[in-house]
Amino acid sequence: MKKITSLLVLLSAVFLTPAPVSAVEHYVSGSIGIPAYQDLNSTFSFYNAPTLNLVRDTNISLNSGVLLFGAIGNDYGSFRIEGELGYQTFNFDKIKVHSTGIGQTATTLVSKYIYDMSGGAFNETSTFSLAGKGNVTSLMVNAYYLFPVGGGIKPFVTAGTGVAQVRYADFNINNLPNPDDSNVLNRNTDNTTTFAYQLGAGVAVPVSRNVTFDALYRYFTTARYNMPSFGADTSMQNHQFLVNVRVGI
């Protein structure tokens, strides 16, 4: 909540700061696109004694969903700044788990995702299909710089920072052995809020005095977060391919 409040204060400062009427134009915009998600990677370690310990590396692949963004901003000519609300979706695909250690039992954390329950040393890799989906809701401040080139098409670069809420919904691991004792990640639904930033580039194409089309690429990432029910920290990263419409107001 403190992260969101701080960002709202920053947005208010940006858009309420007085500027000469001739120097600034206001606009609203909407974007739609598709993301290409990078895998979620995390490492979990558990140590109780030399005869009871575990290191577990987890890799979760995601299927792409849809990107939707809306923004309101100020245009100063070659530079503009905006506040943006975004919504990104994804579906869980597969989970790959590599576990090494010694001394697992059916009632300890060491047993998670492990086939071999003999209590001896192990070094195992298991892959399971996943069910479930998720989304990212973001509130960002973005800045743009348009390069002063001739002609109607204007290339630009962009950077933004803000906060993102990451939500996992109906998360489920299919065909997991011994689910009553091993299913540490089947917590169904959870969410957390963390910082985020994005970098990108694109081109702007004016189609009338008040309407501009943008085509852009952005790289989006969150800071590392620890989902309360999932037990290991990771970060959400994706590549975004977007088309955007800006309308002067």
C-alpha atoms as a PDB file:
ATOM      1  CA  MET A   1       0.000   0.000   0.000  1.00  0.00           C
ATOM      2  CA  LYS A   2       2.879   2.405   0.803  1.00  0.00           C
ATOM      3  CA  LYS A   3       4.376   1.736  -2.651  1.00  0.00           C
ATOM      4  CA  ILE A   4       1.094   2.609  -4.386  1.00  0.00           C
ATOM      5  CA  THR A   5       0.582   5.739  -2.246  1.00  0.00           C
ATOM      6  CA  SER A   6       4.103   6.998  -3.044  1.00  0.00           C
ATOM      7  CA  LEU A   7       3.532   6.522  -6.765  1.00  0.00           C
ATOM      8  CA  LEU A   8       0.196   8.354  -6.645  1.00  0.00           C
ATOM      9  CA  VAL A   9       1.920  11.289  -4.949  1.00  0.00           C
ATOM     10  CA  LEU A  10       4.538  11.323  -7.725  1.00  0.00           C
ATOM     11  CA  LEU A  11       1.866  11.198 -10.419  1.00  0.00           C
ATOM     12  CA  SER A  12       0.031  14.113  -8.795  1.00  0.00           C
ATOM     13  CA  ALA A  13       3.234  16.156  -8.719  1.00  0.00           C
ATOM     14  CA  VAL A  14       3.869  15.459 -12.406  1.00  0.00           C
ATOM     15  CA  PHE A  15       0.434  16.372 -13.704  1.00  0.00           C
ATOM     16  CA  LEU A  16      -0.379  19.222 -11.312  1.00  0.00           C
ATOM     17  CA  THR A  17       2.897  21.111 -11.812  1.00  0.00           C
ATOM     18  CA  PRO A  18       2.080  24.394 -13.627  1.00  0.00           C
ATOM     19  CA  ALA A  19       3.455  24.800 -17.148  1.00  0.00           C
ATOM     20  CA  PRO A  20       3.002  27.495 -19.831  1.00  0.00           C
ATOM     21  CA  VAL A  21      -0.137  26.793 -21.846  1.00  0.00           C
ATOM     22  CA  SER A  22       1.800  27.012 -25.116  1.00  0.00           C
ATOM     23  CA  ALA A  23       4.443  24.528 -23.912  1.00  0.00           C
ATOM     24  CA  VAL A  24       2.302  21.505 -23.107  1.00  0.00           C
ATOM     25  CA  GLU A  25      -0.477  19.476 -24.683  1.00  0.00           C
ATOM     26  CA  HIS A  26      -2.504  16.871 -22.800  1.00  0.00           C
ATOM     27  CA  TYR A  27      -3.468  13.468 -24.163  1.00  0.00           C
ATOM     28  CA  VAL A  28      -5.028  10.112 -23.356  1.00  0.00           C
ATOM     29  CA  SER A  29      -3.883   6.854 -24.898  1.00  0.00           C
ATOM     30  CA  GLY A  30      -4.725   3.175 -25.123  1.00  0.00           C
ATOM     31  CA  SER A  31      -2.508   0.213 -26.034  1.00  0.00           C
ATOM     32  CA  ILE A  32      -2.996  -3.435 -26.854  1.00  0.00           C
ATOM     33  CA  GLY A  33      -0.390  -6.077 -27.508  1.00  0.00           C
ATOM     34  CA  ILE A  34       1.062  -9.493 -26.867  1.00  0.00           C
ATOM     35  CA  PRO A  35       3.796 -10.456 -24.382  1.00  0.00           C
ATOM     36  CA  ALA A  36       6.570 -13.025 -24.592  1.00  0.00           C
ATOM     37  CA  TYR A  37       7.222 -14.134 -21.006  1.00  0.00           C
ATOM     38  CA  GLN A  38      10.550 -15.309 -19.670  1.00  0.00           C
ATOM     39  CA  ASP A  39      10.567 -18.281 -17.322  1.00  0.00           C
ATOM     40  CA  LEU A  40      10.119 -17.853 -13.579  1.00  0.00           C
ATOM     41  CA  ASN A  41      13.290 -19.110 -11.885  1.00  0.00           C
ATOM     42  CA  SER A  42      13.806 -19.580  -8.157  1.00  0.00           C
ATOM     43  CA  THR A  43      16.044 -21.423  -5.717  1.00  0.00           C
ATOM     44  CA  PHE A  44      14.950 -22.873  -2.363  1.00  0.00           C
ATOM     45  CA  SER A  45      17.335 -24.290   0.235  1.00  0.00           C
ATOM     46  CA  PHE A  46      16.605 -26.195   3.446  1.00  0.00           C
ATOM     47  CA  TYR A  47      19.189 -27.298   6.007  1.00  0.00           C
ATOM     48  CA  ASN A  48      18.482 -29.179   9.226  1.00  0.00           C
ATOM     49  CA  ALA A  49      21.586 -31.341   9.655  1.00  0.00           C
ATOM     50  CA  PRO A  50      24.343 -32.849   7.489  1.00  0.00           C
ATOM     51  CA  THR A  51      22.044 -35.816   6.975  1.00  0.00           C
ATOM     52  CA  LEU A  52      18.926 -33.747   6.182  1.00  0.00           C
ATOM     53  CA  ASN A  53      19.277 -30.932   3.633  1.00  0.00           C
ATOM     54  CA  LEU A  54      17.986 -29.831   0.241  1.00  0.00           C
ATOM     55  CA  VAL A  55      18.702 -27.405  -2.596  1.00  0.00           C
ATOM     56  CA  ARG A  56      15.847 -27.073  -5.108  1.00  0.00           C
ATOM     57  CA  ASP A  57      15.991 -25.068  -8.357  1.00  0.00           C
ATOM     58  CA  THR A  58      12.614 -24.414  -9.957  1.00  0.00           C
ATOM     59  CA  ASN A  59      11.833 -23.251 -13.498  1.00  0.00           C
ATOM     60  CA  ILE A  60       8.248 -22.366 -14.482  1.00  0.00           C
ATOM     61  CA  SER A  61       7.391 -21.631 -18.122  1.00  0.00           C
ATOM     62  CA  LEU A  62       4.473 -19.366 -19.036  1.00  0.00           C
ATOM     63  CA  ASN A  63       2.192 -19.066 -22.054  1.00  0.00           C
ATOM     64  CA  SER A  64       1.477 -15.582 -23.366  1.00  0.00           C
ATOM     65  CA  GLY A  65      -1.798 -13.778 -22.806  1.00  0.00           C
ATOM     66  CA  VAL A  66      -2.788 -10.212 -23.662  1.00  0.00           C
ATOM     67  CA  LEU A  67      -1.548  -6.730 -22.766  1.00  0.00           C
ATOM     68  CA  LEU A  68      -3.887  -3.786 -22.131  1.00  0.00           C
ATOM     69  CA  PHE A  69      -2.727  -0.299 -21.117  1.00  0.00           C
ATOM     70  CA  GLY A  70      -4.332   3.103 -20.625  1.00  0.00           C
ATOM     71  CA  ALA A  71      -2.515   6.364 -19.938  1.00  0.00           C
ATOM     72  CA  ILE A  72      -2.931  10.098 -19.477  1.00  0.00           C
ATOM     73  CA  GLY A  73      -0.024  12.407 -20.106  1.00  0.00           C
ATOM     74  CA  ASN A  74       1.599  15.715 -20.977  1.00  0.00           C
ATOM     75  CA  ASP A  75       3.309  16.270 -24.341  1.00  0.00           C
ATOM     76  CA  TYR A  76       6.091  18.898 -24.433  1.00  0.00           C
ATOM     77  CA  GLY A  77       7.074  18.342 -28.069  1.00  0.00           C
ATOM     78  CA  SER A  78      10.216  16.226 -28.100  1.00  0.00           C
ATOM     79  CA  PHE A  79       9.538  14.998 -24.567  1.00  0.00           C
ATOM     80  CA  ARG A  80       6.428  13.625 -22.896  1.00  0.00           C
ATOM     81  CA  ILE A  81       5.529  12.059 -19.562  1.00  0.00           C
ATOM     82  CA  GLU A  82       2.505  10.001 -18.556  1.00  0.00           C
ATOM     83  CA  GLY A  83       0.871   7.931 -15.881  1.00  0.00           C
ATOM     84  CA  GLU A  84      -0.075   4.447 -17.086  1.00  0.00           C
ATOM     85  CA  LEU A  85      -2.381   1.724 -15.760  1.00  0.00           C
ATOM     86  CA  GLY A  86      -1.640  -1.719 -17.197  1.00  0.00           C
ATOM     87  CA  TYR A  87      -3.064  -5.233 -17.160  1.00  0.00           C
ATOM     88  CA  GLN A  88      -1.111  -8.281 -18.385  1.00  0.00           C
ATOM     89  CA  THR A  89      -2.255 -11.906 -18.439  1.00  0.00           C
ATOM     90  CA  PHE A  90      -0.525 -15.280 -18.713  1.00  0.00           C
ATOM     91  CA  ASN A  91      -1.169 -19.007 -18.317  1.00  0.00           C
ATOM     92  CA  PHE A  92       1.059 -21.488 -16.515  1.00  0.00           C
ATOM     93  CA  ASP A  93       2.662 -24.102 -18.775  1.00  0.00           C
ATOM     94  CA  LYS A  94       5.211 -26.434 -17.125  1.00  0.00           C
ATOM     95  CA  ILE A  95       7.328 -26.651 -13.998  1.00  0.00           C
ATOM     96  CA  LYS A  96      10.810 -28.191 -14.009  1.00  0.00           C
ATOM     97  CA  VAL A  97      12.377 -28.972 -10.638  1.00  0.00           C
ATOM     98  CA  HIS A  98      15.977 -29.999  -9.991  1.00  0.00           C
ATOM     99  CA  SER A  99      16.576 -31.170  -6.417  1.00  0.00           C
ATOM    100  CA  THR A 100      19.771 -32.268  -4.716  1.00  0.00           C
ATOM    101  CA  GLY A 101      20.337 -33.229  -1.088  1.00  0.00           C
ATOM    102  CA  ILE A 102      20.103 -36.042   1.393  1.00  0.00           C
ATOM    103  CA  GLY A 103      17.698 -37.435   3.975  1.00  0.00           C
ATOM    104  CA  GLN A 104      14.180 -36.678   2.702  1.00  0.00           C
ATOM    105  CA  THR A 105      11.114 -38.056   4.472  1.00  0.00           C
ATOM    106  CA  ALA A 106       7.434 -37.799   3.673  1.00  0.00           C
ATOM    107  CA  THR A 107       6.817 -35.218   6.414  1.00  0.00           C
ATOM    108  CA  THR A 108       9.676 -32.740   5.834  1.00  0.00           C
ATOM    109  CA  LEU A 109      10.275 -29.948   3.323  1.00  0.00           C
ATOM    110  CA  VAL A 110      13.033 -32.053   1.812  1.00  0.00           C
ATOM    111  CA  SER A 111      10.416 -34.358   0.267  1.00  0.00           C
ATOM    112  CA  LYS A 112       8.866 -31.715  -2.031  1.00  0.00           C
ATOM    113  CA  TYR A 113       8.929 -32.906  -5.658  1.00  0.00           C
ATOM    114  CA  ILE A 114      11.142 -35.882  -4.861  1.00  0.00           C
ATOM    115  CA  TYR A 115      10.360 -39.346  -6.184  1.00  0.00           C
ATOM    116  CA  ASP A 116      13.022 -41.178  -4.167  1.00  0.00           C
ATOM    117  CA  MET A 117      11.735 -41.485  -0.571  1.00  0.00           C
ATOM    118  CA  SER A 118      14.444 -43.858   0.641  1.00  0.00           C
ATOM    119  CA  GLY A 119      16.168 -41.274   2.815  1.00  0.00           C
ATOM    120  CA  GLY A 120      19.484 -41.459   0.963  1.00  0.00           C
ATOM    121  CA  ALA A 121      21.292 -38.935  -1.212  1.00  0.00           C
ATOM    122  CA  PHE A 122      19.475 -37.765  -4.344  1.00  0.00           C
ATOM    123  CA  ASN A 123      20.020 -35.649  -7.457  1.00  0.00           C
ATOM    124  CA  GLU A 124      16.800 -35.573  -9.446  1.00  0.00           C
ATOM    125  CA  THR A 125      15.074 -33.547 -12.147  1.00  0.00           C
ATOM    126  CA  SER A 126      11.305 -33.753 -12.593  1.00  0.00           C
ATOM    127  CA  THR A 127       8.963 -31.953 -15.011  1.00  0.00           C
ATOM    128  CA  PHE A 128       5.214 -31.558 -14.513  1.00  0.00           C
ATOM    129  CA  SER A 129       2.490 -29.805 -16.502  1.00  0.00           C
ATOM    130  CA  LEU A 130       0.674 -26.946 -14.820  1.00  0.00           C
ATOM    131  CA  ALA A 131      -2.866 -25.642 -14.698  1.00  0.00           C
ATOM    132  CA  GLY A 132      -3.812 -22.108 -13.718  1.00  0.00           C
ATOM    133  CA  LYS A 133      -3.319 -18.551 -14.871  1.00  0.00           C
ATOM    134  CA  GLY A 134      -2.137 -15.207 -13.604  1.00  0.00           C
ATOM    135  CA  ASN A 135      -2.029 -11.492 -14.229  1.00  0.00           C
ATOM    136  CA  VAL A 136       0.033  -8.390 -13.528  1.00  0.00           C
ATOM    137  CA  THR A 137      -1.639  -5.062 -12.724  1.00  0.00           C
ATOM    138  CA  SER A 138       0.794  -2.154 -12.946  1.00  0.00           C
ATOM    139  CA  LEU A 139       0.792   1.572 -12.189  1.00  0.00           C
ATOM    140  CA  MET A 140       3.740   3.258 -13.908  1.00  0.00           C
ATOM    141  CA  VAL A 141       5.229   6.680 -14.665  1.00  0.00           C
ATOM    142  CA  ASN A 142       6.673   6.686 -18.214  1.00  0.00           C
ATOM    143  CA  ALA A 143       8.903   9.192 -19.964  1.00  0.00           C
ATOM    144  CA  TYR A 144       9.438   9.427 -23.744  1.00  0.00           C
ATOM    145  CA  TYR A 145      12.013  11.212 -25.874  1.00  0.00           C
ATOM    146  CA  LEU A 146      11.283  11.771 -29.580  1.00  0.00           C
ATOM    147  CA  PHE A 147      14.310  12.151 -31.848  1.00  0.00           C
ATOM    148  CA  PRO A 148      14.246  15.348 -33.957  1.00  0.00           C
ATOM    149  CA  VAL A 149      14.226  13.812 -37.434  1.00  0.00           C
ATOM    150  CA  GLY A 150      12.479  15.065 -40.524  1.00  0.00           C
ATOM    151  CA  GLY A 151       9.379  13.508 -42.019  1.00  0.00           C
ATOM    152  CA  GLY A 152       6.182  12.256 -40.463  1.00  0.00           C
ATOM    153  CA  ILE A 153       7.520   9.180 -38.608  1.00  0.00           C
ATOM    154  CA  LYS A 154       9.193  10.009 -35.284  1.00  0.00           C
ATOM    155  CA  PRO A 155      11.388   7.402 -33.535  1.00  0.00           C
ATOM    156  CA  PHE A 156      11.450   7.494 -29.747  1.00  0.00           C
ATOM    157  CA  VAL A 157      12.846   5.789 -26.664  1.00  0.00           C
ATOM    158  CA  THR A 158      10.975   5.285 -23.412  1.00  0.00           C
ATOM    159  CA  ALA A 159      11.581   4.331 -19.792  1.00  0.00           C
ATOM    160  CA  GLY A 160       9.205   3.897 -16.873  1.00  0.00           C
ATOM    161  CA  THR A 161       9.047   2.861 -13.251  1.00  0.00           C
ATOM    162  CA  GLY A 162       6.293   2.102 -10.768  1.00  0.00           C
ATOM    163  CA  VAL A 163       4.610  -0.729  -8.893  1.00  0.00           C
ATOM    164  CA  ALA A 164       3.060  -4.021 -10.019  1.00  0.00           C
ATOM    165  CA  GLN A 165       0.730  -6.497  -8.356  1.00  0.00           C
ATOM    166  CA  VAL A 166       1.467 -10.069  -9.483  1.00  0.00           C
ATOM    167  CA  ARG A 167      -1.369 -12.574  -9.012  1.00  0.00           C
ATOM    168  CA  TYR A 168      -1.391 -16.358  -9.441  1.00  0.00           C
ATOM    169  CA  ALA A 169      -4.863 -17.907  -9.785  1.00  0.00           C
ATOM    170  CA  ASP A 170      -5.938 -21.573  -9.676  1.00  0.00           C
ATOM    171  CA  PHE A 171      -2.307 -22.743  -9.712  1.00  0.00           C
ATOM    172  CA  ASN A 172      -2.181 -26.540  -9.830  1.00  0.00           C
ATOM    173  CA  ILE A 173       0.484 -29.134 -10.606  1.00  0.00           C
ATOM    174  CA  ASN A 174      -0.770 -32.076 -12.638  1.00  0.00           C
ATOM    175  CA  ASN A 175       0.287 -35.665 -11.830  1.00  0.00           C
ATOM    176  CA  LEU A 176       2.443 -34.760  -8.858  1.00  0.00           C
ATOM    177  CA  PRO A 177       3.361 -37.890  -6.884  1.00  0.00           C
ATOM    178  CA  ASN A 178       2.275 -38.125  -3.263  1.00  0.00           C
ATOM    179  CA  PRO A 179       0.317 -34.819  -3.417  1.00  0.00           C
ATOM    180  CA  ASP A 180      -0.702 -34.810   0.252  1.00  0.00           C
ATOM    181  CA  ASP A 181       2.919 -34.538   1.389  1.00  0.00           C
ATOM    182  CA  SER A 182       4.772 -33.145  -1.628  1.00  0.00           C
ATOM    183  CA  ASN A 183       2.486 -30.482  -3.043  1.00  0.00           C
ATOM    184  CA  VAL A 184       4.039 -27.350  -1.553  1.00  0.00           C
ATOM    185  CA  LEU A 185       3.075 -25.122  -4.503  1.00  0.00           C
ATOM    186  CA  ASN A 186      -0.586 -26.131  -4.837  1.00  0.00           C
ATOM    187  CA  ARG A 187      -1.817 -23.076  -2.939  1.00  0.00           C
ATOM    188  CA  ASN A 188      -4.309 -22.141  -5.639  1.00  0.00           C
ATOM    189  CA  THR A 189      -4.384 -18.324  -5.500  1.00  0.00           C
ATOM    190  CA  ASP A 190      -2.073 -15.658  -4.111  1.00  0.00           C
ATOM    191  CA  ASN A 191      -0.737 -12.181  -4.933  1.00  0.00           C
ATOM    192  CA  THR A 192       2.003  -9.751  -3.990  1.00  0.00           C
ATOM    193  CA  THR A 193       3.030  -6.173  -4.854  1.00  0.00           C
ATOM    194  CA  THR A 194       6.527  -5.128  -5.900  1.00  0.00           C
ATOM    195  CA  PHE A 195       8.446  -2.451  -7.797  1.00  0.00           C
ATOM    196  CA  ALA A 196       8.700  -2.628 -11.590  1.00  0.00           C
ATOM    197  CA  TYR A 197      10.384  -0.872 -14.474  1.00  0.00           C
ATOM    198  CA  GLN A 198      10.304  -0.962 -18.268  1.00  0.00           C
ATOM    199  CA  LEU A 199      12.483   0.186 -21.177  1.00  0.00           C
ATOM    200  CA  GLY A 200      11.588   0.412 -24.829  1.00  0.00           C
ATOM    201  CA  ALA A 201      11.679   2.064 -28.235  1.00  0.00           C
ATOM    202  CA  GLY A 202       9.282   2.666 -31.092  1.00  0.00           C
ATOM    203  CA  VAL A 203       7.973   4.971 -33.765  1.00  0.00           C
ATOM    204  CA  ALA A 204       5.170   7.546 -33.669  1.00  0.00           C
ATOM    205  CA  VAL A 205       3.042   8.203 -36.769  1.00  0.00           C
ATOM    206  CA  PRO A 206       0.704  11.242 -36.668  1.00  0.00           C
ATOM    207  CA  VAL A 207      -2.531  10.636 -38.580  1.00  0.00           C
ATOM    208  CA  SER A 208      -4.234  13.954 -37.781  1.00  0.00           C
ATOM    209  CA  ARG A 209      -3.637  17.024 -35.642  1.00  0.00           C
ATOM    210  CA  ASN A 210      -4.845  15.285 -32.464  1.00  0.00           C
ATOM    211  CA  VAL A 211      -4.363  11.569 -33.197  1.00  0.00           C
ATOM    212  CA  THR A 212      -1.070   9.625 -33.285  1.00  0.00           C
ATOM    213  CA  PHE A 213      -0.391   5.919 -33.739  1.00  0.00           C
ATOM    214  CA  ASP A 214       2.597   4.353 -31.968  1.00  0.00           C
ATOM    215  CA  ALA A 215       4.246   0.993 -32.558  1.00  0.00           C
ATOM    216  CA  LEU A 216       6.674   0.003 -29.825  1.00  0.00           C
ATOM    217  CA  TYR A 217       8.659  -2.705 -28.100  1.00  0.00           C
ATOM    218  CA  ARG A 218       9.184  -2.736 -24.311  1.00  0.00           C
ATOM    219  CA  TYR A 219      11.068  -4.907 -21.873  1.00  0.00           C
ATOM    220  CA  PHE A 220       9.177  -5.157 -18.555  1.00  0.00           C
ATOM    221  CA  THR A 221      10.458  -6.598 -15.298  1.00  0.00           C
ATOM    222  CA  THR A 222       9.536  -6.578 -11.646  1.00  0.00           C
ATOM    223  CA  ALA A 223      11.916  -6.598  -8.709  1.00  0.00           C
ATOM    224  CA  ARG A 224      12.332 -10.017  -7.128  1.00  0.00           C
ATOM    225  CA  TYR A 225       9.280 -10.922  -5.070  1.00  0.00           C
ATOM    226  CA  ASN A 226       8.370 -13.698  -2.673  1.00  0.00           C
ATOM    227  CA  MET A 227       4.806 -14.908  -3.146  1.00  0.00           C
ATOM    228  CA  PRO A 228       3.664 -15.618   0.442  1.00  0.00           C
ATOM    229  CA  SER A 229       2.233 -19.083  -0.234  1.00  0.00           C
ATOM    230  CA  PHE A 230       4.842 -20.217  -2.766  1.00  0.00           C
ATOM    231  CA  GLY A 231       7.966 -19.958  -0.670  1.00  0.00           C
ATOM    232  CA  ALA A 232      10.693 -18.868  -3.120  1.00  0.00           C
ATOM    233  CA  ASP A 233      11.577 -15.500  -4.650  1.00  0.00           C
ATOM    234  CA  THR A 234      11.517 -14.809  -8.396  1.00  0.00           C
ATOM    235  CA  SER A 235      10.793 -11.956 -10.829  1.00  0.00           C
ATOM    236  CA  MET A 236       8.244 -11.483 -13.612  1.00  0.00           C
ATOM    237  CA  GLN A 237       9.829 -10.475 -16.939  1.00  0.00           C
ATOM    238  CA  ASN A 238       8.458 -10.169 -20.444  1.00  0.00           C
ATOM    239  CA  HIS A 239       8.981  -8.657 -23.879  1.00  0.00           C
ATOM    240  CA  GLN A 240       6.034  -6.517 -25.022  1.00  0.00           C
ATOM    241  CA  PHE A 241       4.957  -5.784 -28.593  1.00  0.00           C
ATOM    242  CA  LEU A 242       2.371  -3.003 -28.619  1.00  0.00           C
ATOM    243  CA  VAL A 243       0.287  -0.736 -30.811  1.00  0.00           C
ATOM    244  CA  ASN A 244      -0.935   2.466 -29.206  1.00  0.00           C
ATOM    245  CA  VAL A 245      -3.334   5.299 -30.053  1.00  0.00           C
ATOM    246  CA  ARG A 246      -2.856   8.790 -28.544  1.00  0.00           C
ATOM    247  CA  VAL A 247      -5.571  11.425 -28.682  1.00  0.00           C
ATOM    248  CA  GLY A 248      -4.996  15.050 -27.711  1.00  0.00           C
ATOM    249  CA  ILE A 249      -7.477  16.559 -25.242  1.00  0.00           C
END
